[in-house]
Amino acid sequence: MTDPKIQLTGHIDVPDNRLEAVKLALSEHIALTRAEPGCLSFDVTQDPQLPNRFHVSELFINRAAFDAHQTRTKASPWFFTTKGIERTYQVKELPA
């Protein structure tokens, strides 16, 4: 039996005083995540109507790959740049 894929969707609302720092750190975060083993897709896009909101969509081949991403992210510049900013995410298992 194949492990289910892990999908994360949601958004992060960035305060005005941190918006530029988040935008500067975002391209590296996206590139590093897309290069991770088991990352099938990873997108973070700024909402055209709400410039402080960034929509997040992630898909990983299995729970182990998703967990490895979470661990790597917690030691990254992205984590420290966005520390304390509230996130609204939903994580689902999808059929392989």
N, C-alpha and C. Protein backbone atom coordinates (compact mmCIF):
# COMPACT_ATOMS: atom_id res chain seq x y z
N MET A 1 0.85 -1.19 0.00
CA MET A 1 0.00 0.00 0.00
C MET A 1 0.89 1.25 0.00
N THR A 2 0.53 2.22 -0.81
CA THR A 2 1.29 3.45 -0.92
C THR A 2 0.82 4.46 0.12
N ASP A 3 1.78 5.17 0.72
CA ASP A 3 1.44 6.19 1.70
C ASP A 3 0.63 7.31 1.05
N PRO A 4 -0.29 7.90 1.82
CA PRO A 4 -1.03 9.04 1.27
C PRO A 4 -0.13 10.26 1.08
N LYS A 5 -0.47 11.07 0.11
CA LYS A 5 0.21 12.36 -0.06
C LYS A 5 -0.29 13.30 1.04
N ILE A 6 0.50 14.32 1.34
CA ILE A 6 0.13 15.31 2.34
C ILE A 6 -0.02 16.66 1.65
N GLN A 7 -1.19 17.26 1.81
CA GLN A 7 -1.48 18.56 1.21
C GLN A 7 -1.71 19.59 2.33
N LEU A 8 -1.06 20.72 2.20
CA LEU A 8 -1.29 21.84 3.10
C LEU A 8 -1.81 23.00 2.26
N THR A 9 -2.90 23.60 2.70
CA THR A 9 -3.42 24.80 2.05
C THR A 9 -3.80 25.81 3.12
N GLY A 10 -3.77 27.06 2.75
CA GLY A 10 -4.16 28.09 3.69
C GLY A 10 -3.52 29.42 3.35
N HIS A 11 -3.33 30.23 4.39
CA HIS A 11 -2.75 31.55 4.16
C HIS A 11 -2.03 32.06 5.41
N ILE A 12 -1.22 33.06 5.18
CA ILE A 12 -0.53 33.78 6.24
C ILE A 12 -0.81 35.26 6.01
N ASP A 13 -1.24 35.94 7.07
CA ASP A 13 -1.51 37.37 7.01
C ASP A 13 -0.37 38.11 7.69
N VAL A 14 0.38 38.86 6.90
CA VAL A 14 1.62 39.50 7.36
C VAL A 14 1.34 40.94 7.78
N PRO A 15 1.75 41.31 8.99
CA PRO A 15 1.58 42.70 9.42
C PRO A 15 2.36 43.67 8.52
N ASP A 16 1.85 44.88 8.38
CA ASP A 16 2.49 45.90 7.53
C ASP A 16 3.97 46.06 7.83
N ASN A 17 4.33 46.08 9.11
CA ASN A 17 5.72 46.35 9.49
C ASN A 17 6.67 45.19 9.18
N ARG A 18 6.15 44.07 8.72
CA ARG A 18 7.00 42.92 8.39
C ARG A 18 6.86 42.49 6.94
N LEU A 19 6.03 43.19 6.20
CA LEU A 19 5.71 42.79 4.83
C LEU A 19 6.94 42.76 3.92
N GLU A 20 7.76 43.77 3.94
CA GLU A 20 8.93 43.81 3.06
C GLU A 20 9.92 42.70 3.39
N ALA A 21 10.16 42.44 4.67
CA ALA A 21 11.08 41.36 5.07
C ALA A 21 10.57 40.00 4.60
N VAL A 22 9.28 39.78 4.74
CA VAL A 22 8.69 38.51 4.30
C VAL A 22 8.83 38.36 2.78
N LYS A 23 8.52 39.42 2.04
CA LYS A 23 8.64 39.36 0.59
C LYS A 23 10.09 39.09 0.16
N LEU A 24 11.05 39.66 0.86
CA LEU A 24 12.46 39.44 0.52
C LEU A 24 12.89 38.00 0.80
N ALA A 25 12.36 37.39 1.86
CA ALA A 25 12.75 36.03 2.24
C ALA A 25 12.00 34.96 1.45
N LEU A 26 10.93 35.33 0.80
CA LEU A 26 10.05 34.34 0.19
C LEU A 26 10.68 33.55 -0.95
N SER A 27 11.40 34.19 -1.84
CA SER A 27 11.93 33.46 -3.00
C SER A 27 12.90 32.35 -2.59
N GLU A 28 13.74 32.63 -1.59
CA GLU A 28 14.65 31.58 -1.11
C GLU A 28 13.88 30.44 -0.47
N HIS A 29 12.87 30.78 0.31
CA HIS A 29 12.05 29.76 0.97
C HIS A 29 11.39 28.85 -0.07
N ILE A 30 10.84 29.44 -1.11
CA ILE A 30 10.20 28.66 -2.17
C ILE A 30 11.22 27.76 -2.87
N ALA A 31 12.37 28.31 -3.23
CA ALA A 31 13.39 27.53 -3.94
C ALA A 31 13.90 26.37 -3.09
N LEU A 32 14.17 26.61 -1.82
CA LEU A 32 14.66 25.55 -0.94
C LEU A 32 13.62 24.45 -0.76
N THR A 33 12.38 24.86 -0.61
CA THR A 33 11.32 23.86 -0.41
C THR A 33 11.10 23.03 -1.66
N ARG A 34 11.07 23.66 -2.81
CA ARG A 34 10.87 22.91 -4.06
C ARG A 34 12.00 21.93 -4.33
N ALA A 35 13.17 22.19 -3.77
CA ALA A 35 14.32 21.30 -3.96
C ALA A 35 14.33 20.13 -2.98
N GLU A 36 13.46 20.13 -2.01
CA GLU A 36 13.43 19.06 -1.01
C GLU A 36 12.96 17.74 -1.63
N PRO A 37 13.55 16.63 -1.20
CA PRO A 37 13.06 15.33 -1.65
C PRO A 37 11.60 15.15 -1.21
N GLY A 38 10.77 14.72 -2.13
CA GLY A 38 9.38 14.44 -1.79
C GLY A 38 8.43 15.62 -1.95
N CYS A 39 8.95 16.79 -2.31
CA CYS A 39 8.08 17.95 -2.56
C CYS A 39 7.55 17.82 -3.98
N LEU A 40 6.23 17.71 -4.10
CA LEU A 40 5.60 17.61 -5.42
C LEU A 40 5.22 18.98 -5.95
N SER A 41 4.80 19.88 -5.06
CA SER A 41 4.51 21.26 -5.45
C SER A 41 4.54 22.14 -4.22
N PHE A 42 4.90 23.40 -4.45
CA PHE A 42 4.97 24.37 -3.35
C PHE A 42 4.80 25.76 -3.94
N ASP A 43 3.72 26.43 -3.57
CA ASP A 43 3.45 27.77 -4.07
C ASP A 43 3.02 28.68 -2.92
N VAL A 44 3.54 29.88 -2.93
CA VAL A 44 3.13 30.94 -2.02
C VAL A 44 2.91 32.16 -2.88
N THR A 45 1.68 32.65 -2.92
CA THR A 45 1.34 33.77 -3.79
C THR A 45 0.65 34.88 -3.00
N GLN A 46 1.01 36.09 -3.34
CA GLN A 46 0.43 37.25 -2.69
C GLN A 46 -0.97 37.49 -3.27
N ASP A 47 -1.93 37.72 -2.39
CA ASP A 47 -3.31 37.97 -2.82
C ASP A 47 -3.39 39.32 -3.52
N PRO A 48 -3.97 39.38 -4.72
CA PRO A 48 -4.03 40.65 -5.44
C PRO A 48 -4.96 41.69 -4.78
N GLN A 49 -5.92 41.24 -4.00
CA GLN A 49 -6.86 42.16 -3.35
C GLN A 49 -6.43 42.51 -1.92
N LEU A 50 -5.75 41.58 -1.25
CA LEU A 50 -5.28 41.77 0.13
C LEU A 50 -3.76 41.61 0.14
N PRO A 51 -3.00 42.67 -0.05
CA PRO A 51 -1.55 42.55 -0.23
C PRO A 51 -0.79 41.99 0.98
N ASN A 52 -1.42 41.94 2.15
CA ASN A 52 -0.76 41.37 3.32
C ASN A 52 -1.02 39.88 3.46
N ARG A 53 -1.85 39.32 2.59
CA ARG A 53 -2.18 37.89 2.65
C ARG A 53 -1.42 37.14 1.57
N PHE A 54 -0.82 36.03 1.99
CA PHE A 54 -0.12 35.14 1.08
C PHE A 54 -0.78 33.77 1.16
N HIS A 55 -1.21 33.27 0.01
CA HIS A 55 -1.85 31.96 -0.07
C HIS A 55 -0.75 30.90 -0.21
N VAL A 56 -0.92 29.83 0.53
CA VAL A 56 0.08 28.76 0.57
C VAL A 56 -0.57 27.46 0.10
N SER A 57 0.13 26.76 -0.78
CA SER A 57 -0.32 25.46 -1.27
C SER A 57 0.90 24.55 -1.38
N GLU A 58 0.86 23.46 -0.63
CA GLU A 58 1.99 22.51 -0.60
C GLU A 58 1.46 21.11 -0.86
N LEU A 59 2.28 20.30 -1.53
CA LEU A 59 1.95 18.90 -1.71
C LEU A 59 3.23 18.09 -1.60
N PHE A 60 3.22 17.13 -0.69
CA PHE A 60 4.37 16.27 -0.46
C PHE A 60 3.99 14.82 -0.71
N ILE A 61 4.97 14.04 -1.13
CA ILE A 61 4.73 12.66 -1.54
C ILE A 61 4.22 11.78 -0.40
N ASN A 62 4.60 12.12 0.84
CA ASN A 62 4.13 11.35 2.00
C ASN A 62 4.38 12.14 3.29
N ARG A 63 3.94 11.60 4.40
CA ARG A 63 4.08 12.26 5.70
C ARG A 63 5.54 12.47 6.07
N ALA A 64 6.40 11.52 5.77
CA ALA A 64 7.82 11.66 6.10
C ALA A 64 8.44 12.86 5.39
N ALA A 65 8.11 13.06 4.12
CA ALA A 65 8.63 14.20 3.37
C ALA A 65 8.07 15.51 3.94
N PHE A 66 6.80 15.52 4.28
CA PHE A 66 6.18 16.72 4.87
C PHE A 66 6.83 17.04 6.22
N ASP A 67 7.02 16.02 7.04
CA ASP A 67 7.65 16.23 8.36
C ASP A 67 9.08 16.73 8.21
N ALA A 68 9.81 16.21 7.23
CA ALA A 68 11.19 16.68 6.99
C ALA A 68 11.17 18.15 6.58
N HIS A 69 10.19 18.53 5.77
CA HIS A 69 10.04 19.94 5.38
C HIS A 69 9.79 20.81 6.62
N GLN A 70 8.90 20.37 7.47
CA GLN A 70 8.61 21.14 8.68
C GLN A 70 9.86 21.30 9.55
N THR A 71 10.63 20.25 9.68
CA THR A 71 11.85 20.31 10.48
C THR A 71 12.87 21.25 9.85
N ARG A 72 13.07 21.15 8.54
CA ARG A 72 14.03 22.03 7.87
C ARG A 72 13.60 23.49 7.99
N THR A 73 12.33 23.73 7.80
CA THR A 73 11.83 25.10 7.84
C THR A 73 12.07 25.74 9.20
N LYS A 74 11.94 24.98 10.27
CA LYS A 74 12.12 25.54 11.62
C LYS A 74 13.55 25.99 11.90
N ALA A 75 14.49 25.61 11.05
CA ALA A 75 15.88 26.04 11.21
C ALA A 75 16.30 27.00 10.10
N SER A 76 15.32 27.55 9.38
CA SER A 76 15.63 28.38 8.21
C SER A 76 15.43 29.87 8.49
N PRO A 77 16.02 30.71 7.65
CA PRO A 77 15.77 32.15 7.76
C PRO A 77 14.28 32.49 7.65
N TRP A 78 13.54 31.73 6.82
CA TRP A 78 12.10 31.96 6.69
C TRP A 78 11.39 31.86 8.04
N PHE A 79 11.74 30.88 8.83
CA PHE A 79 11.11 30.68 10.14
C PHE A 79 11.33 31.91 11.02
N PHE A 80 12.55 32.40 11.03
CA PHE A 80 12.84 33.55 11.89
C PHE A 80 12.22 34.84 11.35
N THR A 81 12.12 34.97 10.04
CA THR A 81 11.49 36.14 9.43
C THR A 81 9.99 36.17 9.72
N THR A 82 9.36 35.00 9.76
CA THR A 82 7.91 34.93 9.94
C THR A 82 7.49 34.49 11.34
N LYS A 83 8.44 34.37 12.24
CA LYS A 83 8.14 33.90 13.60
C LYS A 83 7.07 34.78 14.25
N GLY A 84 6.07 34.12 14.81
CA GLY A 84 5.01 34.82 15.51
C GLY A 84 3.87 35.32 14.63
N ILE A 85 4.01 35.21 13.32
CA ILE A 85 2.92 35.62 12.42
C ILE A 85 1.92 34.47 12.35
N GLU A 86 0.66 34.79 12.60
CA GLU A 86 -0.38 33.76 12.60
C GLU A 86 -0.60 33.18 11.21
N ARG A 87 -0.73 31.89 11.19
CA ARG A 87 -0.99 31.16 9.96
C ARG A 87 -2.33 30.45 10.07
N THR A 88 -3.02 30.36 8.97
CA THR A 88 -4.27 29.60 8.91
C THR A 88 -4.08 28.53 7.86
N TYR A 89 -3.83 27.31 8.32
CA TYR A 89 -3.52 26.21 7.42
C TYR A 89 -4.42 25.02 7.71
N GLN A 90 -4.64 24.22 6.68
CA GLN A 90 -5.31 22.95 6.80
C GLN A 90 -4.42 21.89 6.17
N VAL A 91 -4.20 20.81 6.88
CA VAL A 91 -3.37 19.70 6.37
C VAL A 91 -4.29 18.50 6.16
N LYS A 92 -4.20 17.91 4.95
CA LYS A 92 -5.03 16.76 4.60
C LYS A 92 -4.17 15.65 4.02
N GLU A 93 -4.63 14.44 4.22
CA GLU A 93 -4.05 13.29 3.53
C GLU A 93 -4.86 13.06 2.25
N LEU A 94 -4.15 12.84 1.16
CA LEU A 94 -4.79 12.56 -0.13
C LEU A 94 -4.36 11.18 -0.60
N PRO A 95 -5.21 10.52 -1.33
CA PRO A 95 -4.81 9.20 -1.85
C PRO A 95 -3.54 9.32 -2.70
N ALA A 96 -2.70 8.32 -2.60
CA ALA A 96 -1.43 8.33 -3.35
C ALA A 96 -1.66 8.24 -4.83
